């Protein structure tokens, strides 16, 4: 509110300049200042009329931020470096006409930007953008060592338990499968790396680079599991006495299943005895 005739006159003049330069929000603010009873009658009349005219042509936008076709609400939107809104509720936001650069920030997601030209008189324009989860700070955990269940009915002819020998066979199978996983994942990651080098390097998307990194991490995890399993199995075979005519009963099988997802990967080793 303008308290003196001088302040009313300043707001009156500034409102006209703001309107001509496209600063509609400032123009409406100055119109409001000079529209009170303390202002001269002709100023109040002009400001009220101009304010209505500016509001009719002031553009507005509606933001739509999505991940995999799902709308996000907990998103901070900045316009030209200044925070515009802290969350999204589907309501329109008024802006000045012209070129604007918007930044979109959400916890757990990669910051994204979009530049558009907002036209005078354009109302409720949809500004839509898809954002991706930030995988750079999430490194897949190394898988735990294989869990092997010792068979209860594996016995020798003399009825003495031969559990170390069964465990050695199981670890050998798990180690071989883990090494196979290391080779397969390593080759897969290397193939994707070569494809990225040929297609988009050095401007590849972070999500594409993270996919290659994840495969290399899982390959290393398989290698560690395979070396550990085969090492323990070798130790058990070397310390086992000559079986002679001793035998054992039971069957052994093992499987390793590397899996990948949008948030990383894992190596699962299972066994049946």
Protein backbone atom coordinates (compact mmCIF):
# COMPACT_ATOMS: atom_id res chain seq x y z
CA UNK A 1 0.00 0.00 0.00
CA UNK A 2 1.33 3.48 -0.92
CA UNK A 3 0.96 5.81 2.09
CA UNK A 4 1.77 9.14 0.47
CA UNK A 5 0.87 10.82 -2.84
CA UNK A 6 4.55 10.67 -3.83
CA UNK A 7 4.70 6.90 -3.25
CA UNK A 8 1.45 6.51 -5.21
CA UNK A 9 2.95 8.42 -8.14
CA UNK A 10 6.14 6.32 -8.07
CA UNK A 11 4.16 3.07 -8.04
CA UNK A 12 1.94 4.42 -10.81
CA UNK A 13 4.91 5.13 -13.08
CA UNK A 14 6.81 1.98 -12.23
CA UNK A 15 3.75 -0.19 -12.94
CA UNK A 16 3.66 1.13 -16.51
CA UNK A 17 7.38 0.42 -17.01
CA UNK A 18 7.04 -3.11 -15.59
CA UNK A 19 4.13 -3.85 -17.90
CA UNK A 20 6.00 -2.70 -21.00
CA UNK A 21 9.13 -4.71 -20.10
CA UNK A 22 7.18 -7.91 -19.45
CA UNK A 23 7.56 -7.92 -15.65
CA UNK A 24 3.90 -8.64 -15.09
CA UNK A 25 4.19 -9.79 -11.47
CA UNK A 26 5.93 -6.54 -10.48
CA UNK A 27 3.41 -4.53 -12.49
CA UNK A 28 0.47 -6.11 -10.66
CA UNK A 29 2.19 -5.43 -7.33
CA UNK A 30 2.61 -1.74 -8.15
CA UNK A 31 -0.95 -1.54 -9.42
CA UNK A 32 -2.09 -2.86 -6.06
CA UNK A 33 0.00 -0.24 -4.22
CA UNK A 34 -1.60 2.67 -6.05
CA UNK A 35 -5.19 1.38 -6.03
CA UNK A 36 -5.97 2.37 -2.42
CA UNK A 37 -8.08 5.29 -1.22
CA UNK A 38 -4.99 7.35 -0.33
CA UNK A 39 -4.12 7.65 -4.03
CA UNK A 40 -5.68 10.32 -6.28
CA UNK A 41 -8.87 9.24 -7.99
CA UNK A 42 -7.54 9.00 -11.54
CA UNK A 43 -4.55 6.92 -10.34
CA UNK A 44 -6.81 4.46 -8.53
CA UNK A 45 -8.99 4.12 -11.61
CA UNK A 46 -6.05 3.59 -14.00
CA UNK A 47 -4.29 1.11 -11.70
CA UNK A 48 -7.41 -0.97 -11.18
CA UNK A 49 -8.02 -1.12 -14.93
CA UNK A 50 -4.37 -1.88 -15.79
CA UNK A 51 -4.13 -4.56 -13.12
CA UNK A 52 -7.13 -6.38 -14.61
CA UNK A 53 -5.63 -6.11 -18.09
CA UNK A 54 -2.25 -7.50 -17.00
CA UNK A 55 -3.84 -10.40 -15.11
CA UNK A 56 -5.68 -11.41 -18.30
CA UNK A 57 -2.45 -11.77 -20.29
CA UNK A 58 -0.10 -13.00 -17.54
CA UNK A 59 0.93 -16.56 -18.53
CA UNK A 60 0.89 -19.55 -16.21
CA UNK A 61 2.31 -23.08 -16.25
CA UNK A 62 1.43 -26.41 -14.62
CA UNK A 63 4.33 -28.74 -13.78
CA UNK A 64 4.17 -32.50 -14.33
CA UNK A 65 7.15 -34.54 -13.07
CA UNK A 66 7.02 -38.31 -13.58
CA UNK A 67 9.04 -41.46 -13.13
CA UNK A 68 7.97 -44.49 -15.18
CA UNK A 69 4.49 -43.02 -15.79
CA UNK A 70 4.06 -42.26 -12.05
CA UNK A 71 3.44 -38.66 -10.95
CA UNK A 72 5.78 -37.23 -8.31
CA UNK A 73 4.74 -34.52 -5.84
CA UNK A 74 7.75 -34.07 -3.54
CA UNK A 75 9.67 -32.04 -6.12
CA UNK A 76 11.35 -28.64 -5.77
CA UNK A 77 11.12 -26.51 -8.91
CA UNK A 78 13.42 -23.53 -9.50
CA UNK A 79 12.96 -20.92 -12.22
CA UNK A 80 16.06 -19.12 -13.50
CA UNK A 81 17.98 -20.08 -10.36
CA UNK A 82 15.28 -19.10 -7.82
CA UNK A 83 13.04 -21.59 -6.01
CA UNK A 84 9.54 -21.33 -7.45
CA UNK A 85 7.67 -24.11 -5.59
CA UNK A 86 8.71 -26.70 -2.99
CA UNK A 87 6.18 -29.35 -4.01
CA UNK A 88 3.69 -30.07 -6.78
CA UNK A 89 -0.08 -30.06 -6.33
CA UNK A 90 -1.31 -29.71 -9.92
CA UNK A 91 -2.08 -25.99 -9.58
CA UNK A 92 -1.00 -23.38 -12.10
CA UNK A 93 1.92 -21.07 -11.32
CA UNK A 94 1.98 -17.55 -12.78
CA UNK A 95 5.13 -16.32 -14.54
CA UNK A 96 6.39 -13.42 -16.61
CA UNK A 97 6.52 -14.02 -20.39
CA UNK A 98 9.89 -14.89 -21.90
CA UNK A 99 12.53 -17.62 -21.84
CA UNK A 100 12.82 -19.52 -18.55
CA UNK A 101 15.05 -22.39 -17.41
CA UNK A 102 13.46 -24.73 -14.86
CA UNK A 103 15.37 -27.09 -12.53
CA UNK A 104 13.65 -30.09 -10.93
CA UNK A 105 15.05 -31.63 -7.73
CA UNK A 106 13.69 -34.62 -5.83
CA UNK A 107 15.35 -36.77 -3.17
CA UNK A 108 16.91 -39.88 -4.72
CA UNK A 109 16.62 -38.56 -8.28
CA UNK A 110 19.06 -36.95 -10.70
CA UNK A 111 18.48 -33.20 -11.02
CA UNK A 112 16.94 -32.36 -14.40
CA UNK A 113 16.51 -29.09 -16.31
CA UNK A 114 14.20 -27.86 -19.03
CA UNK A 115 14.12 -24.53 -20.90
CA UNK A 116 10.95 -23.18 -22.51
CA UNK A 117 9.56 -19.92 -23.88
CA UNK A 118 6.43 -18.77 -22.02
CA UNK A 119 4.21 -16.65 -24.24
CA UNK A 120 2.08 -13.70 -23.20
CA UNK A 121 -1.52 -14.74 -22.69
CA UNK A 122 -0.62 -18.46 -22.49
CA UNK A 123 -2.55 -20.04 -19.63
CA UNK A 124 -2.02 -23.36 -17.81
CA UNK A 125 0.72 -24.61 -20.13
CA UNK A 126 1.81 -28.12 -19.13
CA UNK A 127 5.56 -28.37 -18.46
CA UNK A 128 6.19 -32.13 -18.31
CA UNK A 129 9.46 -33.93 -17.63
CA UNK A 130 10.54 -37.48 -16.78
CA UNK A 131 13.32 -37.81 -14.19
CA UNK A 132 15.52 -40.80 -13.35
CA UNK A 133 16.65 -42.22 -10.06
CA UNK A 134 20.20 -41.42 -8.98
CA UNK A 135 22.10 -44.72 -8.92
CA UNK A 136 25.63 -43.29 -8.58
CA UNK A 137 25.55 -43.32 -4.78
CA UNK A 138 24.17 -46.84 -4.52
CA UNK A 139 26.78 -49.56 -4.98
CA UNK A 140 25.51 -53.13 -4.90
CA UNK A 141 26.63 -55.02 -1.81
CA UNK A 142 28.90 -58.01 -2.23
CA UNK A 143 26.98 -61.26 -1.83
CA UNK A 144 27.50 -63.23 1.39
CA UNK A 145 29.54 -66.44 1.22
CA UNK A 146 27.55 -69.44 0.00
CA UNK A 147 25.34 -71.05 2.59
CA UNK A 148 25.77 -74.81 2.45
CA UNK A 149 23.51 -77.17 4.39
CA UNK A 150 25.43 -80.20 5.65
CA UNK A 151 23.50 -83.42 4.84
CA UNK A 152 22.41 -85.49 7.80
CA UNK A 153 22.43 -88.83 6.02
CA UNK A 154 25.77 -88.67 4.22
CA UNK A 155 27.62 -91.54 5.89
CA UNK A 156 30.56 -93.73 5.13
CA UNK A 157 30.42 -97.51 5.04
CA UNK A 158 31.85 -97.48 8.56
CA UNK A 159 29.03 -95.09 9.57
CA UNK A 160 31.51 -92.26 10.24
CA UNK A 161 30.33 -88.85 8.87
CA UNK A 162 32.09 -87.53 5.75
CA UNK A 163 30.77 -83.98 5.91
CA UNK A 164 34.03 -82.26 4.91
CA UNK A 165 34.09 -84.22 1.63
CA UNK A 166 30.45 -83.35 0.87
CA UNK A 167 31.13 -79.72 1.67
CA UNK A 168 34.15 -79.77 -0.64
CA UNK A 169 32.07 -81.10 -3.55
CA UNK A 170 29.36 -78.50 -2.89
CA UNK A 171 31.83 -75.64 -2.75
CA UNK A 172 33.46 -76.85 -5.95
CA UNK A 173 30.13 -76.70 -7.77
CA UNK A 174 29.34 -73.28 -6.33
CA UNK A 175 32.81 -72.02 -7.23
CA UNK A 176 32.56 -73.21 -10.84
CA UNK A 177 29.16 -71.58 -11.26
CA UNK A 178 30.39 -68.34 -9.67
CA UNK A 179 33.37 -68.22 -12.04
CA UNK A 180 30.97 -68.78 -14.94
CA UNK A 181 28.92 -65.85 -13.69
CA UNK A 182 32.08 -63.73 -13.51
CA UNK A 183 32.92 -64.50 -17.16
CA UNK A 184 29.35 -63.92 -18.39
CA UNK A 185 28.80 -60.65 -16.51
CA UNK A 186 32.25 -59.35 -17.40
CA UNK A 187 31.68 -60.04 -21.08
CA UNK A 188 28.22 -58.50 -20.93
CA UNK A 189 29.49 -55.35 -19.24
CA UNK A 190 32.42 -55.04 -21.66
CA UNK A 191 30.07 -55.40 -24.64
CA UNK A 192 27.78 -52.64 -23.33
CA UNK A 193 30.80 -50.44 -22.58
CA UNK A 194 31.98 -50.77 -26.18
CA UNK A 195 28.49 -49.93 -27.44
CA UNK A 196 28.41 -46.75 -25.32
CA UNK A 197 31.88 -45.73 -26.51
CA UNK A 198 30.71 -46.02 -30.10
CA UNK A 199 27.28 -44.42 -29.67
CA UNK A 200 27.36 -41.62 -27.09
CA UNK A 201 30.74 -41.27 -25.32
CA UNK A 202 31.53 -38.94 -23.59
CA UNK A 203 27.93 -37.68 -23.31
CA UNK A 204 26.21 -40.91 -22.24
CA UNK A 205 23.31 -40.82 -19.80
CA UNK A 206 24.26 -41.61 -16.15
CA UNK A 207 21.73 -44.45 -16.11
CA UNK A 208 23.45 -46.13 -19.08
CA UNK A 209 26.87 -45.83 -17.45
CA UNK A 210 25.46 -47.17 -14.15
CA UNK A 211 24.20 -50.31 -15.93
CA UNK A 212 27.73 -51.10 -17.12
CA UNK A 213 29.18 -50.35 -13.66
CA UNK A 214 26.63 -52.64 -12.00
CA UNK A 215 27.58 -55.57 -14.23
CA UNK A 216 31.27 -55.08 -13.46
CA UNK A 217 30.53 -54.96 -9.72
CA UNK A 218 28.48 -58.17 -9.91
CA UNK A 219 31.22 -59.81 -11.99
CA UNK A 220 33.76 -58.93 -9.28
CA UNK A 221 31.40 -60.33 -6.63
CA UNK A 222 31.12 -63.60 -8.58
CA UNK A 223 34.89 -63.75 -8.93
CA UNK A 224 35.36 -63.29 -5.18
CA UNK A 225 32.74 -65.94 -4.42
CA UNK A 226 34.27 -68.38 -6.91
CA UNK A 227 37.83 -67.93 -5.61
CA UNK A 228 36.67 -68.32 -2.00
CA UNK A 229 34.57 -71.41 -2.74
CA UNK A 230 37.27 -73.17 -4.78
CA UNK A 231 39.94 -72.25 -2.23
CA UNK A 232 38.00 -73.78 0.65
CA UNK A 233 37.11 -76.82 -1.45
CA UNK A 234 40.79 -77.40 -2.32
CA UNK A 235 41.74 -77.18 1.34
CA UNK A 236 39.07 -79.73 2.29
CA UNK A 237 40.15 -82.14 -0.45
CA UNK A 238 43.81 -81.92 0.58
CA UNK A 239 43.11 -82.59 4.26
CA UNK A 240 40.71 -85.47 3.57
CA UNK A 241 42.37 -88.88 4.12
CA UNK A 242 42.34 -91.48 1.35
CA UNK A 243 38.83 -92.85 1.17
CA UNK A 244 39.91 -96.46 0.57
CA UNK A 245 36.75 -98.44 0.52
CA UNK A 246 34.75 -95.74 2.28
CA UNK A 247 31.66 -94.47 0.50
CA UNK A 248 29.00 -91.90 1.17
CA UNK A 249 25.38 -91.53 0.19
CA UNK A 250 23.50 -88.46 -0.94
CA UNK A 251 23.29 -86.12 -3.88
CA UNK A 252 24.65 -82.61 -4.28
CA UNK A 253 23.52 -79.77 -6.56
CA UNK A 254 24.21 -76.03 -6.58
CA UNK A 255 23.12 -73.00 -8.59
CA UNK A 256 24.22 -69.39 -8.91
CA UNK A 257 21.86 -66.67 -10.20
CA UNK A 258 23.17 -63.14 -10.77
CA UNK A 259 20.28 -60.68 -10.98
CA UNK A 260 20.13 -57.03 -12.09
CA UNK A 261 17.57 -54.35 -11.34
CA UNK A 262 17.22 -50.57 -11.59
CA UNK A 263 18.81 -50.21 -8.12
CA UNK A 264 21.78 -52.55 -8.53
CA UNK A 265 22.15 -56.31 -8.48
CA UNK A 266 22.89 -59.38 -6.42
CA UNK A 267 24.38 -62.85 -6.73
CA UNK A 268 22.32 -65.66 -5.20
CA UNK A 269 23.89 -69.08 -4.56
CA UNK A 270 21.67 -71.99 -3.58
CA UNK A 271 22.37 -75.63 -2.89
CA UNK A 272 20.47 -78.89 -2.34
CA UNK A 273 21.85 -81.96 -0.62
